[in-house]
């Protein structure tokens, strides 16, 4: 069995981002904003959105983008 490389893991997580966030952190991305995961600002009102077209998260408050 081939050992998973960092790039393999990153690719898997990116392809399955909603599932990984739900299973690992209890975050549900179904059509709603979530609290920002960057930790650089207090997010009292969920300001991070998920874009399934390119599997990214973007915070409209602090500008952070994650893939």
PDB file of N, CA and C in Angstrom:
ATOM      1  N   UNK A   1       0.841  -1.176   0.000  1.00  0.00           N
ATOM      2  CA  UNK A   1       0.000   0.000   0.000  1.00  0.00           C
ATOM      3  C   UNK A   1       0.891   1.245   0.000  1.00  0.00           C
ATOM      4  N   UNK A   2       0.575   2.186  -0.893  1.00  0.00           N
ATOM      5  CA  UNK A   2       1.344   3.425  -1.019  1.00  0.00           C
ATOM      6  C   UNK A   2       1.022   4.375   0.134  1.00  0.00           C
ATOM      7  N   UNK A   3       2.059   4.968   0.708  1.00  0.00           N
ATOM      8  CA  UNK A   3       1.881   5.941   1.781  1.00  0.00           C
ATOM      9  C   UNK A   3       1.397   7.269   1.184  1.00  0.00           C
ATOM     10  N   UNK A   4       0.406   7.880   1.841  1.00  0.00           N
ATOM     11  CA  UNK A   4      -0.148   9.147   1.358  1.00  0.00           C
ATOM     12  C   UNK A   4       0.856  10.273   1.600  1.00  0.00           C
ATOM     13  N   UNK A   5       1.126  11.050   0.563  1.00  0.00           N
ATOM     14  CA  UNK A   5       2.010  12.204   0.686  1.00  0.00           C
ATOM     15  C   UNK A   5       1.200  13.412   1.151  1.00  0.00           C
ATOM     16  N   UNK A   6       1.886  14.479   1.491  1.00  0.00           N
ATOM     17  CA  UNK A   6       1.222  15.721   1.884  1.00  0.00           C
ATOM     18  C   UNK A   6       0.326  16.215   0.754  1.00  0.00           C
ATOM     19  N   UNK A   7       0.828  16.171  -0.476  1.00  0.00           N
ATOM     20  CA  UNK A   7       0.045  16.643  -1.625  1.00  0.00           C
ATOM     21  C   UNK A   7      -1.189  15.772  -1.852  1.00  0.00           C
ATOM     22  N   UNK A   8      -1.047  14.436  -1.650  1.00  0.00           N
ATOM     23  CA  UNK A   8      -2.204  13.537  -1.763  1.00  0.00           C
ATOM     24  C   UNK A   8      -3.263  13.909  -0.731  1.00  0.00           C
ATOM     25  N   UNK A   9      -2.833  14.151   0.501  1.00  0.00           N
ATOM     26  CA  UNK A   9      -3.761  14.500   1.585  1.00  0.00           C
ATOM     27  C   UNK A   9      -4.449  15.828   1.294  1.00  0.00           C
ATOM     28  N   UNK A  10      -3.674  16.800   0.833  1.00  0.00           N
ATOM     29  CA  UNK A  10      -4.233  18.117   0.522  1.00  0.00           C
ATOM     30  C   UNK A  10      -5.276  18.012  -0.597  1.00  0.00           C
ATOM     31  N   UNK A  11      -4.981  17.226  -1.618  1.00  0.00           N
ATOM     32  CA  UNK A  11      -5.911  17.029  -2.720  1.00  0.00           C
ATOM     33  C   UNK A  11      -7.194  16.350  -2.244  1.00  0.00           C
ATOM     34  N   UNK A  12      -7.070  15.342  -1.396  1.00  0.00           N
ATOM     35  CA  UNK A  12      -8.235  14.634  -0.865  1.00  0.00           C
ATOM     36  C   UNK A  12      -9.117  15.579  -0.045  1.00  0.00           C
ATOM     37  N   UNK A  13      -8.492  16.344   0.831  1.00  0.00           N
ATOM     38  CA  UNK A  13      -9.245  17.271   1.681  1.00  0.00           C
ATOM     39  C   UNK A  13      -9.943  18.317   0.833  1.00  0.00           C
ATOM     40  N   UNK A  14      -9.241  18.863  -0.158  1.00  0.00           N
ATOM     41  CA  UNK A  14      -9.853  19.892  -1.000  1.00  0.00           C
ATOM     42  C   UNK A  14     -11.059  19.333  -1.753  1.00  0.00           C
ATOM     43  N   UNK A  15     -10.947  18.121  -2.290  1.00  0.00           N
ATOM     44  CA  UNK A  15     -12.056  17.511  -3.026  1.00  0.00           C
ATOM     45  C   UNK A  15     -13.237  17.199  -2.119  1.00  0.00           C
ATOM     46  N   UNK A  16     -12.968  16.984  -0.829  1.00  0.00           N
ATOM     47  CA  UNK A  16     -14.001  16.573   0.121  1.00  0.00           C
ATOM     48  C   UNK A  16     -14.168  17.576   1.267  1.00  0.00           C
ATOM     49  N   UNK A  17     -13.925  18.850   1.001  1.00  0.00           N
ATOM     50  CA  UNK A  17     -13.921  19.872   2.046  1.00  0.00           C
ATOM     51  C   UNK A  17     -15.190  19.904   2.896  1.00  0.00           C
ATOM     52  N   UNK A  18     -16.387  19.902   2.322  1.00  0.00           N
ATOM     53  CA  UNK A  18     -17.591  19.921   3.178  1.00  0.00           C
ATOM     54  C   UNK A  18     -17.658  18.714   4.112  1.00  0.00           C
ATOM     55  N   UNK A  19     -17.333  17.540   3.595  1.00  0.00           N
ATOM     56  CA  UNK A  19     -17.363  16.325   4.404  1.00  0.00           C
ATOM     57  C   UNK A  19     -16.331  16.374   5.525  1.00  0.00           C
ATOM     58  N   UNK A  20     -15.116  16.782   5.201  1.00  0.00           N
ATOM     59  CA  UNK A  20     -14.047  16.860   6.197  1.00  0.00           C
ATOM     60  C   UNK A  20     -14.400  17.866   7.295  1.00  0.00           C
ATOM     61  N   UNK A  21     -14.895  19.051   6.921  1.00  0.00           N
ATOM     62  CA  UNK A  21     -15.256  20.057   7.926  1.00  0.00           C
ATOM     63  C   UNK A  21     -16.392  19.569   8.813  1.00  0.00           C
ATOM     64  N   UNK A  22     -17.333  18.829   8.221  1.00  0.00           N
ATOM     65  CA  UNK A  22     -18.440  18.318   9.012  1.00  0.00           C
ATOM     66  C   UNK A  22     -17.996  17.216   9.962  1.00  0.00           C
ATOM     67  N   UNK A  23     -17.243  16.251   9.468  1.00  0.00           N
ATOM     68  CA  UNK A  23     -16.825  15.125  10.298  1.00  0.00           C
ATOM     69  C   UNK A  23     -15.803  15.507  11.364  1.00  0.00           C
ATOM     70  N   UNK A  24     -14.857  16.355  11.007  1.00  0.00           N
ATOM     71  CA  UNK A  24     -13.774  16.696  11.935  1.00  0.00           C
ATOM     72  C   UNK A  24     -14.117  17.829  12.893  1.00  0.00           C
ATOM     73  N   UNK A  25     -14.947  18.790  12.427  1.00  0.00           N
ATOM     74  CA  UNK A  25     -15.190  19.988  13.236  1.00  0.00           C
ATOM     75  C   UNK A  25     -16.659  20.281  13.494  1.00  0.00           C
ATOM     76  N   UNK A  26     -17.561  19.475  12.935  1.00  0.00           N
ATOM     77  CA  UNK A  26     -18.993  19.694  13.135  1.00  0.00           C
ATOM     78  C   UNK A  26     -19.531  20.901  12.393  1.00  0.00           C
ATOM     79  N   UNK A  27     -18.817  21.351  11.361  1.00  0.00           N
ATOM     80  CA  UNK A  27     -19.235  22.521  10.582  1.00  0.00           C
ATOM     81  C   UNK A  27     -20.089  22.053   9.412  1.00  0.00           C
ATOM     82  N   UNK A  28     -21.310  22.599   9.316  1.00  0.00           N
ATOM     83  CA  UNK A  28     -22.242  22.253   8.242  1.00  0.00           C
ATOM     84  C   UNK A  28     -22.256  23.397   7.231  1.00  0.00           C
ATOM     85  N   UNK A  29     -21.877  23.128   6.003  1.00  0.00           N
ATOM     86  CA  UNK A  29     -21.777  24.167   4.974  1.00  0.00           C
ATOM     87  C   UNK A  29     -23.009  24.271   4.082  1.00  0.00           C
ATOM     88  N   UNK A  30     -24.088  23.620   4.425  1.00  0.00           N
ATOM     89  CA  UNK A  30     -25.270  23.571   3.563  1.00  0.00           C
ATOM     90  C   UNK A  30     -25.944  24.933   3.408  1.00  0.00           C
ATOM     91  N   UNK A  31     -25.523  25.688   2.409  1.00  0.00           N
ATOM     92  CA  UNK A  31     -26.187  26.917   2.017  1.00  0.00           C
ATOM     93  C   UNK A  31     -26.231  28.037   3.042  1.00  0.00           C
ATOM     94  N   UNK A  32     -25.285  28.050   3.975  1.00  0.00           N
ATOM     95  CA  UNK A  32     -25.303  29.129   4.959  1.00  0.00           C
ATOM     96  C   UNK A  32     -23.884  29.554   5.280  1.00  0.00           C
ATOM     97  N   UNK A  33     -23.758  30.767   5.782  1.00  0.00           N
ATOM     98  CA  UNK A  33     -22.453  31.250   6.207  1.00  0.00           C
ATOM     99  C   UNK A  33     -22.077  30.607   7.530  1.00  0.00           C
ATOM    100  N   UNK A  34     -20.786  30.504   7.776  1.00  0.00           N
ATOM    101  CA  UNK A  34     -20.274  29.964   9.029  1.00  0.00           C
ATOM    102  C   UNK A  34     -19.370  30.999   9.673  1.00  0.00           C
ATOM    103  N   UNK A  35     -19.060  30.800  10.948  1.00  0.00           N
ATOM    104  CA  UNK A  35     -18.102  31.681  11.603  1.00  0.00           C
ATOM    105  C   UNK A  35     -16.733  31.459  10.992  1.00  0.00           C
ATOM    106  N   UNK A  36     -15.979  32.532  10.832  1.00  0.00           N
ATOM    107  CA  UNK A  36     -14.659  32.471  10.217  1.00  0.00           C
ATOM    108  C   UNK A  36     -13.742  31.539  11.006  1.00  0.00           C
ATOM    109  N   UNK A  37     -13.015  30.697  10.294  1.00  0.00           N
ATOM    110  CA  UNK A  37     -12.117  29.738  10.929  1.00  0.00           C
ATOM    111  C   UNK A  37     -10.687  30.262  11.051  1.00  0.00           C
ATOM    112  N   UNK A  38     -10.418  31.481  10.554  1.00  0.00           N
ATOM    113  CA  UNK A  38      -9.045  31.985  10.561  1.00  0.00           C
ATOM    114  C   UNK A  38      -8.550  32.338  11.956  1.00  0.00           C
ATOM    115  N   UNK A  39      -9.443  32.766  12.833  1.00  0.00           N
ATOM    116  CA  UNK A  39      -9.031  33.127  14.183  1.00  0.00           C
ATOM    117  C   UNK A  39      -8.353  34.478  14.295  1.00  0.00           C
ATOM    118  N   UNK A  40      -8.320  35.248  13.212  1.00  0.00           N
ATOM    119  CA  UNK A  40      -7.672  36.563  13.254  1.00  0.00           C
ATOM    120  C   UNK A  40      -8.618  37.670  13.691  1.00  0.00           C
ATOM    121  N   UNK A  41      -9.906  37.371  13.778  1.00  0.00           N
ATOM    122  CA  UNK A  41     -10.865  38.368  14.241  1.00  0.00           C
ATOM    123  C   UNK A  41     -12.020  37.665  14.950  1.00  0.00           C
ATOM    124  N   UNK A  42     -12.707  38.405  15.824  1.00  0.00           N
ATOM    125  CA  UNK A  42     -13.894  37.861  16.478  1.00  0.00           C
ATOM    126  C   UNK A  42     -15.036  37.924  15.493  1.00  0.00           C
ATOM    127  N   UNK A  43     -15.649  36.803  15.250  1.00  0.00           N
ATOM    128  CA  UNK A  43     -16.720  36.726  14.262  1.00  0.00           C
ATOM    129  C   UNK A  43     -18.039  36.473  14.983  1.00  0.00           C
ATOM    130  N   UNK A  44     -18.704  37.550  15.383  1.00  0.00           N
ATOM    131  CA  UNK A  44     -19.975  37.435  16.096  1.00  0.00           C
ATOM    132  C   UNK A  44     -21.127  37.051  15.178  1.00  0.00           C
ATOM    133  N   UNK A  45     -20.994  37.389  13.911  1.00  0.00           N
ATOM    134  CA  UNK A  45     -22.003  37.052  12.916  1.00  0.00           C
ATOM    135  C   UNK A  45     -21.295  36.266  11.813  1.00  0.00           C
ATOM    136  N   UNK A  46     -21.768  35.068  11.518  1.00  0.00           N
ATOM    137  CA  UNK A  46     -21.091  34.243  10.516  1.00  0.00           C
ATOM    138  C   UNK A  46     -20.815  35.005   9.222  1.00  0.00           C
ATOM    139  N   UNK A  47     -19.548  35.076   8.848  1.00  0.00           N
ATOM    140  CA  UNK A  47     -19.158  35.873   7.688  1.00  0.00           C
ATOM    141  C   UNK A  47     -18.344  35.085   6.668  1.00  0.00           C
ATOM    142  N   UNK A  48     -18.218  33.766   6.857  1.00  0.00           N
ATOM    143  CA  UNK A  48     -17.444  32.953   5.929  1.00  0.00           C
ATOM    144  C   UNK A  48     -18.395  32.123   5.071  1.00  0.00           C
ATOM    145  N   UNK A  49     -18.143  32.130   3.768  1.00  0.00           N
ATOM    146  CA  UNK A  49     -18.974  31.384   2.822  1.00  0.00           C
ATOM    147  C   UNK A  49     -18.160  30.303   2.141  1.00  0.00           C
ATOM    148  N   UNK A  50     -18.850  29.243   1.737  1.00  0.00           N
ATOM    149  CA  UNK A  50     -18.232  28.143   1.000  1.00  0.00           C
ATOM    150  C   UNK A  50     -18.656  28.235  -0.452  1.00  0.00           C
ATOM    151  N   UNK A  51     -17.702  28.059  -1.365  1.00  0.00           N
ATOM    152  CA  UNK A  51     -17.973  28.089  -2.798  1.00  0.00           C
ATOM    153  C   UNK A  51     -17.661  26.712  -3.375  1.00  0.00           C
ATOM    154  N   UNK A  52     -18.719  25.975  -3.715  1.00  0.00           N
ATOM    155  CA  UNK A  52     -18.511  24.605  -4.182  1.00  0.00           C
ATOM    156  C   UNK A  52     -17.902  24.544  -5.577  1.00  0.00           C
ATOM    157  N   UNK A  53     -18.005  25.612  -6.346  1.00  0.00           N
ATOM    158  CA  UNK A  53     -17.433  25.633  -7.694  1.00  0.00           C
ATOM    159  C   UNK A  53     -15.928  25.379  -7.661  1.00  0.00           C
ATOM    160  N   UNK A  54     -15.240  25.956  -6.665  1.00  0.00           N
ATOM    161  CA  UNK A  54     -13.786  25.768  -6.572  1.00  0.00           C
ATOM    162  C   UNK A  54     -13.352  25.262  -5.194  1.00  0.00           C
ATOM    163  N   UNK A  55     -14.300  24.783  -4.398  1.00  0.00           N
ATOM    164  CA  UNK A  55     -14.009  24.223  -3.057  1.00  0.00           C
ATOM    165  C   UNK A  55     -13.168  25.154  -2.193  1.00  0.00           C
ATOM    166  N   UNK A  56     -13.640  26.375  -2.023  1.00  0.00           N
ATOM    167  CA  UNK A  56     -12.935  27.339  -1.183  1.00  0.00           C
ATOM    168  C   UNK A  56     -13.869  27.941  -0.144  1.00  0.00           C
ATOM    169  N   UNK A  57     -13.261  28.442   0.907  1.00  0.00           N
ATOM    170  CA  UNK A  57     -13.958  29.210   1.937  1.00  0.00           C
ATOM    171  C   UNK A  57     -13.421  30.631   1.872  1.00  0.00           C
ATOM    172  N   UNK A  58     -14.313  31.626   2.006  1.00  0.00           N
ATOM    173  CA  UNK A  58     -13.876  33.030   1.990  1.00  0.00           C
ATOM    174  C   UNK A  58     -14.619  33.790   3.067  1.00  0.00           C
ATOM    175  N   UNK A  59     -13.859  34.561   3.840  1.00  0.00           N
ATOM    176  CA  UNK A  59     -14.436  35.413   4.874  1.00  0.00           C
ATOM    177  C   UNK A  59     -14.556  36.836   4.332  1.00  0.00           C
ATOM    178  N   UNK A  60     -15.763  37.377   4.399  1.00  0.00           N
ATOM    179  CA  UNK A  60     -15.986  38.735   3.901  1.00  0.00           C
ATOM    180  C   UNK A  60     -15.633  39.788   4.934  1.00  0.00           C
ATOM    181  N   UNK A  61     -15.351  39.364   6.163  1.00  0.00           N
ATOM    182  CA  UNK A  61     -14.974  40.303   7.204  1.00  0.00           C
ATOM    183  C   UNK A  61     -13.472  40.573   7.195  1.00  0.00           C
ATOM    184  N   UNK A  62     -12.664  39.506   7.213  1.00  0.00           N
ATOM    185  CA  UNK A  62     -11.206  39.695   7.290  1.00  0.00           C
ATOM    186  C   UNK A  62     -10.494  39.433   5.963  1.00  0.00           C
ATOM    187  N   UNK A  63     -11.224  38.879   4.972  1.00  0.00           N
ATOM    188  CA  UNK A  63     -10.631  38.643   3.657  1.00  0.00           C
ATOM    189  C   UNK A  63      -9.884  37.322   3.516  1.00  0.00           C
ATOM    190  N   UNK A  64      -9.878  36.490   4.541  1.00  0.00           N
ATOM    191  CA  UNK A  64      -9.169  35.204   4.473  1.00  0.00           C
ATOM    192  C   UNK A  64      -9.843  34.277   3.463  1.00  0.00           C
ATOM    193  N   UNK A  65      -9.018  33.546   2.711  1.00  0.00           N
ATOM    194  CA  UNK A  65      -9.499  32.548   1.769  1.00  0.00           C
ATOM    195  C   UNK A  65      -8.752  31.255   2.019  1.00  0.00           C
ATOM    196  N   UNK A  66      -9.487  30.153   2.065  1.00  0.00           N
ATOM    197  CA  UNK A  66      -8.892  28.848   2.323  1.00  0.00           C
ATOM    198  C   UNK A  66      -9.347  27.858   1.267  1.00  0.00           C
ATOM    199  N   UNK A  67      -8.412  27.001   0.854  1.00  0.00           N
ATOM    200  CA  UNK A  67      -8.765  25.915  -0.064  1.00  0.00           C
ATOM    201  C   UNK A  67      -8.355  24.610   0.554  1.00  0.00           C
TER     202      UNK A  67
END
